[in-house]
Amino acid sequence: MPAAPVTLVVGPEELLVDRAVRAVVLAAREQDPEVEVHDLPAVGLDPGRVVELSSPSLFGERKVIVVRGLHEAADTLVEGLKQQVGTVPDEVSLVLTHRGGPRGSGLLKAARAAGAAEVACAEVKKRSDKLAFVAGEFKAHRRRAAGDAVEALLEAVGGDLRALAGAVHQLCSDTEGAIDAEVVQRYYRGHAEVSGFVVADRAVEGRVGEALLALRRAVSSGTDPVLVVAATAMALRSIVKVATAPRGLREGDLARDLGMPPWKVRTVRGQVKGWDGAGITRALSAVAAADLDLKSGGGGDPLHVLQRMVVTVAGSRDRR
């Protein structure tokens, strides 16, 4: 299928944006394996550069020109592209990415009026949508994954789409056969470097030495520190859910009421002992502070930020 002359990629979900851009490049390469690809940031881009690249070449080689981040573009670039979206040469595919919002929206209107193709990359926020995304990733890898496996992977990795896609790829590469929750749990317990799952479990269990050891392994293997914080927050919220649930419920009923897979309920029931309201408050405050320090860059070395968080979380559990 030929690439459209102009493609709008609109929305803030970066993984989906990257995939939409890649799809246009692949479509162009089907027509010409030697296609030239120019991937340009909108900030600081001279409109004349896009005009120059779009000009027909002597031998008619195909080109893909990607301009990223038009929500941050200067007015001169926006105005220049408005003039170009209706006159793109046949051998050129122009891809424009825009996060959303009012700035630069006039260019989106002009491109739509000129018949541009459009790919929506809205932020995936709902849990149900993230579960559907994970299920789709397994399907794309042609692997069977039970519903509880999808739930377990989301619990283990957190909600970042890029991390989830990477986790599915890793799991499919390293395992064989059908994938269920037990496979996911066993894999992540044996591969602490993939996520903050083990770090979070050891911290909320008060096993500070094991948590710090798992943390060092995770960070040294490239785990994103923000994902460690997210996993710890998720573990603490799960403890709150189980601790405040009505007593006497069977495991299956509790899992259904709390929206957790049964294996997760079993795990959290074993972690609840030793936690009270004051301890949970201290632990969640430490997690929030670590999240802020990491995202603002004001907390220094990310490993030290995470170590402080782990020590505080583990110490907030009453061992009596």
C-alpha atoms as a PDB file:
ATOM      1  CA  MET A   1       0.000   0.000   0.000  1.00  0.00           C
ATOM      2  CA  PRO A   2       1.568   3.341  -1.021  1.00  0.00           C
ATOM      3  CA  ALA A   3       2.355   5.875   1.674  1.00  0.00           C
ATOM      4  CA  ALA A   4       0.066   8.929   1.693  1.00  0.00           C
ATOM      5  CA  PRO A   5       1.582  12.219   0.462  1.00  0.00           C
ATOM      6  CA  VAL A   6       0.958  13.751   3.928  1.00  0.00           C
ATOM      7  CA  THR A   7       0.378  11.880   7.179  1.00  0.00           C
ATOM      8  CA  LEU A   8      -0.575  13.573  10.435  1.00  0.00           C
ATOM      9  CA  VAL A   9       0.419  11.745  13.606  1.00  0.00           C
ATOM     10  CA  VAL A  10      -1.439  13.436  16.448  1.00  0.00           C
ATOM     11  CA  GLY A  11      -1.241  12.687  20.154  1.00  0.00           C
ATOM     12  CA  PRO A  12       1.162  12.374  23.092  1.00  0.00           C
ATOM     13  CA  GLU A  13       1.665   8.576  23.272  1.00  0.00           C
ATOM     14  CA  GLU A  14       5.271   8.357  22.092  1.00  0.00           C
ATOM     15  CA  LEU A  15       5.373   4.646  21.360  1.00  0.00           C
ATOM     16  CA  LEU A  16       2.326   4.919  19.105  1.00  0.00           C
ATOM     17  CA  VAL A  17       3.820   7.990  17.412  1.00  0.00           C
ATOM     18  CA  ASP A  18       7.053   6.117  16.688  1.00  0.00           C
ATOM     19  CA  ARG A  19       5.128   3.155  15.300  1.00  0.00           C
ATOM     20  CA  ALA A  20       2.997   5.375  13.059  1.00  0.00           C
ATOM     21  CA  VAL A  21       6.116   7.036  11.649  1.00  0.00           C
ATOM     22  CA  ARG A  22       7.770   3.657  11.117  1.00  0.00           C
ATOM     23  CA  ALA A  23       4.687   2.382   9.253  1.00  0.00           C
ATOM     24  CA  VAL A  24       4.969   5.235   6.751  1.00  0.00           C
ATOM     25  CA  VAL A  25       8.685   4.529   6.263  1.00  0.00           C
ATOM     26  CA  LEU A  26       8.021   0.821   5.705  1.00  0.00           C
ATOM     27  CA  ALA A  27       5.260   1.604   3.182  1.00  0.00           C
ATOM     28  CA  ALA A  28       7.663   3.842   1.274  1.00  0.00           C
ATOM     29  CA  ARG A  29      10.370   1.163   1.352  1.00  0.00           C
ATOM     30  CA  GLU A  30       7.983  -1.326  -0.218  1.00  0.00           C
ATOM     31  CA  GLN A  31       7.907   0.995  -3.217  1.00  0.00           C
ATOM     32  CA  ASP A  32      11.604   1.829  -3.117  1.00  0.00           C
ATOM     33  CA  PRO A  33      14.051  -0.042  -0.840  1.00  0.00           C
ATOM     34  CA  GLU A  34      16.510   2.836  -1.264  1.00  0.00           C
ATOM     35  CA  VAL A  35      14.112   5.498   0.018  1.00  0.00           C
ATOM     36  CA  GLU A  36      15.748   8.481   1.729  1.00  0.00           C
ATOM     37  CA  VAL A  37      14.451   9.160   5.253  1.00  0.00           C
ATOM     38  CA  HIS A  38      14.912  12.579   6.854  1.00  0.00           C
ATOM     39  CA  ASP A  39      13.761  12.734  10.502  1.00  0.00           C
ATOM     40  CA  LEU A  40      13.792  16.358  11.678  1.00  0.00           C
ATOM     41  CA  PRO A  41      12.829  18.095  14.955  1.00  0.00           C
ATOM     42  CA  ALA A  42      10.458  21.020  14.446  1.00  0.00           C
ATOM     43  CA  VAL A  43      12.218  23.187  17.030  1.00  0.00           C
ATOM     44  CA  GLY A  44      14.763  25.362  15.255  1.00  0.00           C
ATOM     45  CA  LEU A  45      13.951  23.943  11.824  1.00  0.00           C
ATOM     46  CA  ASP A  46      14.269  26.364   8.898  1.00  0.00           C
ATOM     47  CA  PRO A  47      11.197  26.136   6.622  1.00  0.00           C
ATOM     48  CA  GLY A  48      13.543  26.362   3.659  1.00  0.00           C
ATOM     49  CA  ARG A  49      15.109  23.067   4.670  1.00  0.00           C
ATOM     50  CA  VAL A  50      11.796  21.232   4.231  1.00  0.00           C
ATOM     51  CA  VAL A  51      11.246  22.941   0.870  1.00  0.00           C
ATOM     52  CA  GLU A  52      14.728  21.912  -0.221  1.00  0.00           C
ATOM     53  CA  LEU A  53      14.225  18.277   0.791  1.00  0.00           C
ATOM     54  CA  SER A  54      10.768  18.161  -0.840  1.00  0.00           C
ATOM     55  CA  SER A  55      11.984  19.377  -4.195  1.00  0.00           C
ATOM     56  CA  PRO A  56      11.777  16.729  -6.939  1.00  0.00           C
ATOM     57  CA  SER A  57      15.112  15.063  -7.573  1.00  0.00           C
ATOM     58  CA  LEU A  58      16.621  14.451 -10.986  1.00  0.00           C
ATOM     59  CA  PHE A  59      16.159  10.675 -10.778  1.00  0.00           C
ATOM     60  CA  GLY A  60      12.839  10.690  -8.885  1.00  0.00           C
ATOM     61  CA  GLU A  61      14.056   8.872  -5.750  1.00  0.00           C
ATOM     62  CA  ARG A  62      11.452   8.403  -3.026  1.00  0.00           C
ATOM     63  CA  LYS A  63      11.810  10.403   0.186  1.00  0.00           C
ATOM     64  CA  VAL A  64      10.152  10.362   3.576  1.00  0.00           C
ATOM     65  CA  ILE A  65      10.380  13.649   5.463  1.00  0.00           C
ATOM     66  CA  VAL A  66       9.373  13.477   9.129  1.00  0.00           C
ATOM     67  CA  VAL A  67       8.912  16.708  11.080  1.00  0.00           C
ATOM     68  CA  ARG A  68       8.438  15.969  14.773  1.00  0.00           C
ATOM     69  CA  GLY A  69       6.958  18.096  17.528  1.00  0.00           C
ATOM     70  CA  LEU A  70       4.978  20.684  15.589  1.00  0.00           C
ATOM     71  CA  HIS A  71       3.214  21.716  18.817  1.00  0.00           C
ATOM     72  CA  GLU A  72       6.554  23.442  19.603  1.00  0.00           C
ATOM     73  CA  ALA A  73       7.253  24.819  16.119  1.00  0.00           C
ATOM     74  CA  ALA A  74       7.947  28.440  15.306  1.00  0.00           C
ATOM     75  CA  ASP A  75       5.185  30.286  13.448  1.00  0.00           C
ATOM     76  CA  THR A  76       7.405  30.629  10.382  1.00  0.00           C
ATOM     77  CA  LEU A  77       7.702  26.853  10.065  1.00  0.00           C
ATOM     78  CA  VAL A  78       3.978  26.350  10.590  1.00  0.00           C
ATOM     79  CA  GLU A  79       3.142  28.903   7.908  1.00  0.00           C
ATOM     80  CA  GLY A  80       5.688  27.429   5.510  1.00  0.00           C
ATOM     81  CA  LEU A  81       4.290  23.910   5.940  1.00  0.00           C
ATOM     82  CA  LYS A  82       0.748  25.176   5.418  1.00  0.00           C
ATOM     83  CA  GLN A  83       1.806  26.187   1.924  1.00  0.00           C
ATOM     84  CA  GLN A  84       3.413  22.795   1.261  1.00  0.00           C
ATOM     85  CA  VAL A  85       0.835  20.263   2.471  1.00  0.00           C
ATOM     86  CA  GLY A  86      -1.248  20.600  -0.689  1.00  0.00           C
ATOM     87  CA  THR A  87       1.655  20.472  -3.134  1.00  0.00           C
ATOM     88  CA  VAL A  88       3.792  17.529  -1.972  1.00  0.00           C
ATOM     89  CA  PRO A  89       5.482  15.828  -4.978  1.00  0.00           C
ATOM     90  CA  ASP A  90       4.447  12.265  -5.800  1.00  0.00           C
ATOM     91  CA  GLU A  91       7.749  10.782  -4.740  1.00  0.00           C
ATOM     92  CA  VAL A  92       7.670  12.448  -1.281  1.00  0.00           C
ATOM     93  CA  SER A  93       5.859  11.324   1.878  1.00  0.00           C
ATOM     94  CA  LEU A  94       5.611  14.093   4.468  1.00  0.00           C
ATOM     95  CA  VAL A  95       4.935  13.017   8.076  1.00  0.00           C
ATOM     96  CA  LEU A  96       3.975  15.658  10.637  1.00  0.00           C
ATOM     97  CA  THR A  97       3.794  14.813  14.345  1.00  0.00           C
ATOM     98  CA  HIS A  98       1.910  17.002  16.797  1.00  0.00           C
ATOM     99  CA  ARG A  99       1.278  16.298  20.467  1.00  0.00           C
ATOM    100  CA  GLY A 100      -2.049  18.160  20.497  1.00  0.00           C
ATOM    101  CA  GLY A 101      -3.167  21.541  21.798  1.00  0.00           C
ATOM    102  CA  PRO A 102      -3.778  24.888  20.135  1.00  0.00           C
ATOM    103  CA  ARG A 103      -0.247  25.797  19.077  1.00  0.00           C
ATOM    104  CA  GLY A 104       0.317  24.861  15.450  1.00  0.00           C
ATOM    105  CA  SER A 105      -3.248  23.559  15.112  1.00  0.00           C
ATOM    106  CA  GLY A 106      -3.768  25.709  12.012  1.00  0.00           C
ATOM    107  CA  LEU A 107      -1.309  23.454  10.194  1.00  0.00           C
ATOM    108  CA  LEU A 108      -3.359  20.398  11.182  1.00  0.00           C
ATOM    109  CA  LYS A 109      -6.487  22.017   9.737  1.00  0.00           C
ATOM    110  CA  ALA A 110      -4.688  22.855   6.499  1.00  0.00           C
ATOM    111  CA  ALA A 111      -3.321  19.325   6.168  1.00  0.00           C
ATOM    112  CA  ARG A 112      -6.738  17.776   6.824  1.00  0.00           C
ATOM    113  CA  ALA A 113      -8.293  20.059   4.232  1.00  0.00           C
ATOM    114  CA  ALA A 114      -5.659  18.874   1.765  1.00  0.00           C
ATOM    115  CA  GLY A 115      -6.667  15.244   2.367  1.00  0.00           C
ATOM    116  CA  ALA A 116      -3.885  14.130   4.704  1.00  0.00           C
ATOM    117  CA  ALA A 117      -4.065  10.700   6.302  1.00  0.00           C
ATOM    118  CA  GLU A 118      -4.250  10.890  10.093  1.00  0.00           C
ATOM    119  CA  VAL A 119      -3.153   8.556  12.880  1.00  0.00           C
ATOM    120  CA  ALA A 120      -4.453   9.236  16.403  1.00  0.00           C
ATOM    121  CA  CYS A 121      -1.980   8.525  19.202  1.00  0.00           C
ATOM    122  CA  ALA A 122      -4.020   9.525  22.238  1.00  0.00           C
ATOM    123  CA  GLU A 123      -2.574   8.763  25.661  1.00  0.00           C
ATOM    124  CA  VAL A 124      -3.616   5.332  26.887  1.00  0.00           C
ATOM    125  CA  LYS A 125      -4.879   5.921  30.421  1.00  0.00           C
ATOM    126  CA  LYS A 126      -7.573   3.384  31.255  1.00  0.00           C
ATOM    127  CA  ARG A 127      -6.526   0.070  32.704  1.00  0.00           C
ATOM    128  CA  SER A 128      -8.832  -1.745  30.284  1.00  0.00           C
ATOM    129  CA  ASP A 129      -7.121  -0.052  27.331  1.00  0.00           C
ATOM    130  CA  LYS A 130      -3.671  -1.003  28.638  1.00  0.00           C
ATOM    131  CA  LEU A 131      -4.809  -4.600  29.043  1.00  0.00           C
ATOM    132  CA  ALA A 132      -6.078  -4.524  25.450  1.00  0.00           C
ATOM    133  CA  PHE A 133      -2.715  -3.114  24.327  1.00  0.00           C
ATOM    134  CA  VAL A 134      -0.803  -5.928  26.045  1.00  0.00           C
ATOM    135  CA  ALA A 135      -3.146  -8.546  24.574  1.00  0.00           C
ATOM    136  CA  GLY A 136      -2.569  -7.016  21.134  1.00  0.00           C
ATOM    137  CA  GLU A 137       1.200  -7.179  21.612  1.00  0.00           C
ATOM    138  CA  PHE A 138       1.028 -10.899  22.395  1.00  0.00           C
ATOM    139  CA  LYS A 139      -1.172 -11.413  19.337  1.00  0.00           C
ATOM    140  CA  ALA A 140       1.330  -9.515  17.173  1.00  0.00           C
ATOM    141  CA  HIS A 141       4.028 -11.941  18.398  1.00  0.00           C
ATOM    142  CA  ARG A 142       1.689 -14.854  17.553  1.00  0.00           C
ATOM    143  CA  ARG A 143       1.722 -16.113  21.112  1.00  0.00           C
ATOM    144  CA  ARG A 144      -1.208 -17.286  23.193  1.00  0.00           C
ATOM    145  CA  ALA A 145      -1.521 -15.424  26.499  1.00  0.00           C
ATOM    146  CA  ALA A 146      -4.255 -16.086  29.040  1.00  0.00           C
ATOM    147  CA  GLY A 147      -6.194 -13.154  30.484  1.00  0.00           C
ATOM    148  CA  ASP A 148      -4.507 -13.586  33.855  1.00  0.00           C
ATOM    149  CA  ALA A 149      -1.109 -13.410  32.131  1.00  0.00           C
ATOM    150  CA  VAL A 150      -2.015 -10.031  30.647  1.00  0.00           C
ATOM    151  CA  GLU A 151      -3.114  -8.839  34.113  1.00  0.00           C
ATOM    152  CA  ALA A 152       0.066 -10.177  35.686  1.00  0.00           C
ATOM    153  CA  LEU A 153       2.311  -8.452  33.169  1.00  0.00           C
ATOM    154  CA  LEU A 154       0.593  -5.112  33.727  1.00  0.00           C
ATOM    155  CA  GLU A 155       1.045  -5.548  37.488  1.00  0.00           C
ATOM    156  CA  ALA A 156       4.701  -6.452  37.061  1.00  0.00           C
ATOM    157  CA  VAL A 157       5.761  -3.759  34.620  1.00  0.00           C
ATOM    158  CA  GLY A 158       3.415  -0.830  35.200  1.00  0.00           C
ATOM    159  CA  GLY A 159       1.474   1.226  32.701  1.00  0.00           C
ATOM    160  CA  ASP A 160       4.167   2.672  30.428  1.00  0.00           C
ATOM    161  CA  LEU A 161       3.426   1.388  26.902  1.00  0.00           C
ATOM    162  CA  ARG A 162       7.041   1.252  25.803  1.00  0.00           C
ATOM    163  CA  ALA A 163       7.963  -0.803  28.872  1.00  0.00           C
ATOM    164  CA  LEU A 164       4.969  -3.097  28.303  1.00  0.00           C
ATOM    165  CA  ALA A 165       5.849  -3.641  24.644  1.00  0.00           C
ATOM    166  CA  GLY A 166       9.439  -4.420  25.602  1.00  0.00           C
ATOM    167  CA  ALA A 167       8.299  -6.812  28.314  1.00  0.00           C
ATOM    168  CA  VAL A 168       6.040  -8.731  25.921  1.00  0.00           C
ATOM    169  CA  HIS A 169       8.868  -8.994  23.397  1.00  0.00           C
ATOM    170  CA  GLN A 170      11.269 -10.223  26.091  1.00  0.00           C
ATOM    171  CA  LEU A 171       8.798 -12.746  27.473  1.00  0.00           C
ATOM    172  CA  CYS A 172       7.979 -14.122  24.024  1.00  0.00           C
ATOM    173  CA  SER A 173      11.681 -14.394  23.185  1.00  0.00           C
ATOM    174  CA  ASP A 174      12.633 -16.162  26.416  1.00  0.00           C
ATOM    175  CA  THR A 175       9.718 -18.588  26.872  1.00  0.00           C
ATOM    176  CA  GLU A 176       7.902 -21.217  24.825  1.00  0.00           C
ATOM    177  CA  GLY A 177       4.319 -22.388  24.672  1.00  0.00           C
ATOM    178  CA  ALA A 178       1.202 -20.762  26.115  1.00  0.00           C
ATOM    179  CA  ILE A 179       1.759 -17.961  28.599  1.00  0.00           C
ATOM    180  CA  ASP A 180      -0.274 -17.757  31.808  1.00  0.00           C
ATOM    181  CA  ALA A 181       0.058 -15.797  35.054  1.00  0.00           C
ATOM    182  CA  GLU A 182       2.340 -18.400  36.631  1.00  0.00           C
ATOM    183  CA  VAL A 183       4.742 -18.126  33.690  1.00  0.00           C
ATOM    184  CA  VAL A 184       4.806 -14.333  34.004  1.00  0.00           C
ATOM    185  CA  GLN A 185       5.295 -14.427  37.766  1.00  0.00           C
ATOM    186  CA  ARG A 186       8.043 -17.047  37.551  1.00  0.00           C
ATOM    187  CA  TYR A 187       9.816 -15.159  34.776  1.00  0.00           C
ATOM    188  CA  TYR A 188       9.790 -11.839  36.605  1.00  0.00           C
ATOM    189  CA  ARG A 189      10.910 -13.338  39.882  1.00  0.00           C
ATOM    190  CA  GLY A 190      13.881 -14.810  38.014  1.00  0.00           C
ATOM    191  CA  HIS A 191      14.623 -11.671  36.010  1.00  0.00           C
ATOM    192  CA  ALA A 192      14.718  -8.754  38.415  1.00  0.00           C
ATOM    193  CA  GLU A 193      16.485  -6.660  35.812  1.00  0.00           C
ATOM    194  CA  VAL A 194      13.371  -6.432  33.647  1.00  0.00           C
ATOM    195  CA  SER A 195      11.266  -4.405  36.071  1.00  0.00           C
ATOM    196  CA  GLY A 196      10.872  -3.161  39.641  1.00  0.00           C
ATOM    197  CA  PHE A 197       8.574  -6.076  40.528  1.00  0.00           C
ATOM    198  CA  VAL A 198      11.019  -7.936  42.771  1.00  0.00           C
ATOM    199  CA  VAL A 199      12.367  -4.710  44.292  1.00  0.00           C
ATOM    200  CA  ALA A 200       8.853  -3.657  45.267  1.00  0.00           C
ATOM    201  CA  ASP A 201       7.945  -7.069  46.699  1.00  0.00           C
ATOM    202  CA  ARG A 202      11.040  -7.273  48.879  1.00  0.00           C
ATOM    203  CA  ALA A 203      10.590  -3.679  50.080  1.00  0.00           C
ATOM    204  CA  VAL A 204       6.954  -4.063  51.165  1.00  0.00           C
ATOM    205  CA  GLU A 205       7.888  -7.343  52.876  1.00  0.00           C
ATOM    206  CA  GLY A 206      10.437  -5.418  54.973  1.00  0.00           C
ATOM    207  CA  ARG A 207      13.376  -7.365  53.539  1.00  0.00           C
ATOM    208  CA  VAL A 208      15.567  -4.332  53.057  1.00  0.00           C
ATOM    209  CA  GLY A 209      18.839  -6.141  52.260  1.00  0.00           C
ATOM    210  CA  GLU A 210      17.264  -8.262  49.527  1.00  0.00           C
ATOM    211  CA  ALA A 211      15.401  -5.232  48.179  1.00  0.00           C
ATOM    212  CA  LEU A 212      18.603  -3.187  47.889  1.00  0.00           C
ATOM    213  CA  LEU A 213      20.428  -6.060  46.199  1.00  0.00           C
ATOM    214  CA  ALA A 214      17.593  -6.490  43.691  1.00  0.00           C
ATOM    215  CA  LEU A 215      17.566  -2.723  43.152  1.00  0.00           C
ATOM    216  CA  ARG A 216      21.253  -2.593  42.284  1.00  0.00           C
ATOM    217  CA  ARG A 217      20.828  -5.465  39.816  1.00  0.00           C
ATOM    218  CA  ALA A 218      17.805  -3.811  38.245  1.00  0.00           C
ATOM    219  CA  VAL A 219      19.419  -0.396  37.794  1.00  0.00           C
ATOM    220  CA  SER A 220      22.717  -1.816  36.551  1.00  0.00           C
ATOM    221  CA  SER A 221      20.828  -3.807  33.883  1.00  0.00           C
ATOM    222  CA  GLY A 222      19.057  -0.707  32.562  1.00  0.00           C
ATOM    223  CA  THR A 223      15.664  -0.743  34.318  1.00  0.00           C
ATOM    224  CA  ASP A 224      14.117   2.738  34.225  1.00  0.00           C
ATOM    225  CA  PRO A 225      14.160   4.110  37.815  1.00  0.00           C
ATOM    226  CA  VAL A 226      10.675   5.569  37.299  1.00  0.00           C
ATOM    227  CA  LEU A 227       9.349   2.036  36.729  1.00  0.00           C
ATOM    228  CA  VAL A 228      10.822   0.915  40.074  1.00  0.00           C
ATOM    229  CA  VAL A 229       8.942   3.739  41.792  1.00  0.00           C
ATOM    230  CA  ALA A 230       5.740   2.860  39.934  1.00  0.00           C
ATOM    231  CA  ALA A 231       6.034  -0.819  40.909  1.00  0.00           C
ATOM    232  CA  THR A 232       6.521   0.107  44.580  1.00  0.00           C
ATOM    233  CA  ALA A 233       3.519   2.437  44.542  1.00  0.00           C
ATOM    234  CA  MET A 234       1.432  -0.308  42.946  1.00  0.00           C
ATOM    235  CA  ALA A 235       2.535  -2.836  45.594  1.00  0.00           C
ATOM    236  CA  LEU A 236       1.549  -0.476  48.409  1.00  0.00           C
ATOM    237  CA  ARG A 237      -1.828   0.293  46.830  1.00  0.00           C
ATOM    238  CA  SER A 238      -2.485  -3.433  46.481  1.00  0.00           C
ATOM    239  CA  ILE A 239      -1.763  -3.896  50.187  1.00  0.00           C
ATOM    240  CA  VAL A 240      -4.263  -1.154  51.017  1.00  0.00           C
ATOM    241  CA  LYS A 241      -6.906  -2.770  48.801  1.00  0.00           C
ATOM    242  CA  VAL A 242      -6.496  -6.212  50.363  1.00  0.00           C
ATOM    243  CA  ALA A 243      -6.175  -4.918  53.934  1.00  0.00           C
ATOM    244  CA  THR A 244      -9.406  -2.903  53.707  1.00  0.00           C
ATOM    245  CA  ALA A 245     -11.443  -5.544  51.859  1.00  0.00           C
ATOM    246  CA  PRO A 246     -14.296  -7.312  53.730  1.00  0.00           C
ATOM    247  CA  ARG A 247     -13.036 -10.234  55.811  1.00  0.00           C
ATOM    248  CA  GLY A 248     -13.993 -13.802  55.043  1.00  0.00           C
ATOM    249  CA  LEU A 249     -14.137 -13.506  51.255  1.00  0.00           C
ATOM    250  CA  ARG A 250     -12.833 -16.422  49.273  1.00  0.00           C
ATOM    251  CA  GLU A 251      -9.764 -15.796  47.136  1.00  0.00           C
ATOM    252  CA  GLY A 252     -11.688 -15.883  43.861  1.00  0.00           C
ATOM    253  CA  ASP A 253     -14.380 -13.501  45.127  1.00  0.00           C
ATOM    254  CA  LEU A 254     -11.788 -11.102  46.507  1.00  0.00           C
ATOM    255  CA  ALA A 255      -9.830 -11.190  43.232  1.00  0.00           C
ATOM    256  CA  ARG A 256     -12.983 -10.340  41.286  1.00  0.00           C
ATOM    257  CA  ASP A 257     -14.004  -7.522  43.664  1.00  0.00           C
ATOM    258  CA  LEU A 258     -10.541  -5.936  43.661  1.00  0.00           C
ATOM    259  CA  GLY A 259      -9.819  -6.440  39.960  1.00  0.00           C
ATOM    260  CA  MET A 260      -6.709  -8.521  40.679  1.00  0.00           C
ATOM    261  CA  PRO A 261      -5.717 -11.954  39.371  1.00  0.00           C
ATOM    262  CA  PRO A 262      -5.993 -14.671  42.062  1.00  0.00           C
ATOM    263  CA  TRP A 263      -2.220 -15.216  42.218  1.00  0.00           C
ATOM    264  CA  LYS A 264      -1.773 -11.519  43.035  1.00  0.00           C
ATOM    265  CA  VAL A 265      -4.302 -11.746  45.868  1.00  0.00           C
ATOM    266  CA  ARG A 266      -2.358 -14.683  47.322  1.00  0.00           C
ATOM    267  CA  THR A 267       0.889 -12.722  47.133  1.00  0.00           C
ATOM    268  CA  VAL A 268      -0.535  -9.562  48.695  1.00  0.00           C
ATOM    269  CA  ARG A 269      -2.284 -11.459  51.495  1.00  0.00           C
ATOM    270  CA  GLY A 270       1.145 -12.658  52.527  1.00  0.00           C
ATOM    271  CA  GLN A 271       2.495  -9.095  52.472  1.00  0.00           C
ATOM    272  CA  VAL A 272      -0.266  -7.348  54.452  1.00  0.00           C
ATOM    273  CA  LYS A 273       0.922  -8.452  57.885  1.00  0.00           C
ATOM    274  CA  GLY A 274       2.908  -5.724  59.610  1.00  0.00           C
ATOM    275  CA  TRP A 275       1.333  -2.796  57.776  1.00  0.00           C
ATOM    276  CA  ASP A 276      -0.860  -0.189  59.441  1.00  0.00           C
ATOM    277  CA  GLY A 277      -2.217   3.183  58.340  1.00  0.00           C
ATOM    278  CA  ALA A 278       0.750   5.183  59.635  1.00  0.00           C
ATOM    279  CA  GLY A 279       3.252   2.886  57.950  1.00  0.00           C
ATOM    280  CA  ILE A 280       1.432   3.014  54.622  1.00  0.00           C
ATOM    281  CA  THR A 281       1.330   6.815  54.826  1.00  0.00           C
ATOM    282  CA  ARG A 282       5.099   7.028  55.456  1.00  0.00           C
ATOM    283  CA  ALA A 283       5.831   4.586  52.652  1.00  0.00           C
ATOM    284  CA  LEU A 284       3.608   6.329  50.107  1.00  0.00           C
ATOM    285  CA  SER A 285       5.165   9.686  51.042  1.00  0.00           C
ATOM    286  CA  ALA A 286       8.612   8.223  50.371  1.00  0.00           C
ATOM    287  CA  VAL A 287       7.432   6.917  46.998  1.00  0.00           C
ATOM    288  CA  ALA A 288       5.941  10.300  46.057  1.00  0.00           C
ATOM    289  CA  ALA A 289       9.170  12.082  47.062  1.00  0.00           C
ATOM    290  CA  ALA A 290      11.270   9.666  44.979  1.00  0.00           C
ATOM    291  CA  ASP A 291       8.979  10.137  41.987  1.00  0.00           C
ATOM    292  CA  LEU A 292       9.313  13.919  42.247  1.00  0.00           C
ATOM    293  CA  ASP A 293      13.097  13.773  42.691  1.00  0.00           C
ATOM    294  CA  LEU A 294      13.531  11.538  39.647  1.00  0.00           C
ATOM    295  CA  LYS A 295      11.263  13.526  37.359  1.00  0.00           C
ATOM    296  CA  SER A 296      12.599  16.934  38.422  1.00  0.00           C
ATOM    297  CA  GLY A 297      16.227  15.833  38.463  1.00  0.00           C
ATOM    298  CA  GLY A 298      16.682  17.528  41.827  1.00  0.00           C
ATOM    299  CA  GLY A 299      17.333  14.411  43.867  1.00  0.00           C
ATOM    300  CA  GLY A 300      20.842  13.626  42.622  1.00  0.00           C
ATOM    301  CA  ASP A 301      21.932  10.140  41.590  1.00  0.00           C
ATOM    302  CA  PRO A 302      18.805   8.072  40.696  1.00  0.00           C
ATOM    303  CA  LEU A 303      20.222   5.004  42.454  1.00  0.00           C
ATOM    304  CA  HIS A 304      20.593   6.970  45.707  1.00  0.00           C
ATOM    305  CA  VAL A 305      17.032   8.291  45.328  1.00  0.00           C
ATOM    306  CA  LEU A 306      15.730   4.736  44.932  1.00  0.00           C
ATOM    307  CA  GLN A 307      17.830   3.437  47.812  1.00  0.00           C
ATOM    308  CA  ARG A 308      16.353   6.070  50.146  1.00  0.00           C
ATOM    309  CA  MET A 309      12.877   5.110  49.026  1.00  0.00           C
ATOM    310  CA  VAL A 310      13.469   1.375  49.506  1.00  0.00           C
ATOM    311  CA  VAL A 311      14.954   1.820  52.992  1.00  0.00           C
ATOM    312  CA  THR A 312      12.035   4.033  54.066  1.00  0.00           C
ATOM    313  CA  VAL A 313       9.395   1.716  52.614  1.00  0.00           C
ATOM    314  CA  ALA A 314      10.917  -1.393  54.167  1.00  0.00           C
ATOM    315  CA  GLY A 315      11.364   0.411  57.497  1.00  0.00           C
ATOM    316  CA  SER A 316       7.746   1.581  57.534  1.00  0.00           C
ATOM    317  CA  ARG A 317       6.544  -1.987  58.008  1.00  0.00           C
ATOM    318  CA  ASP A 318       6.123  -2.981  61.665  1.00  0.00           C
ATOM    319  CA  ARG A 319       8.109  -6.180  62.201  1.00  0.00           C
ATOM    320  CA  ARG A 320       6.669  -6.946  65.644  1.00  0.00           C
END
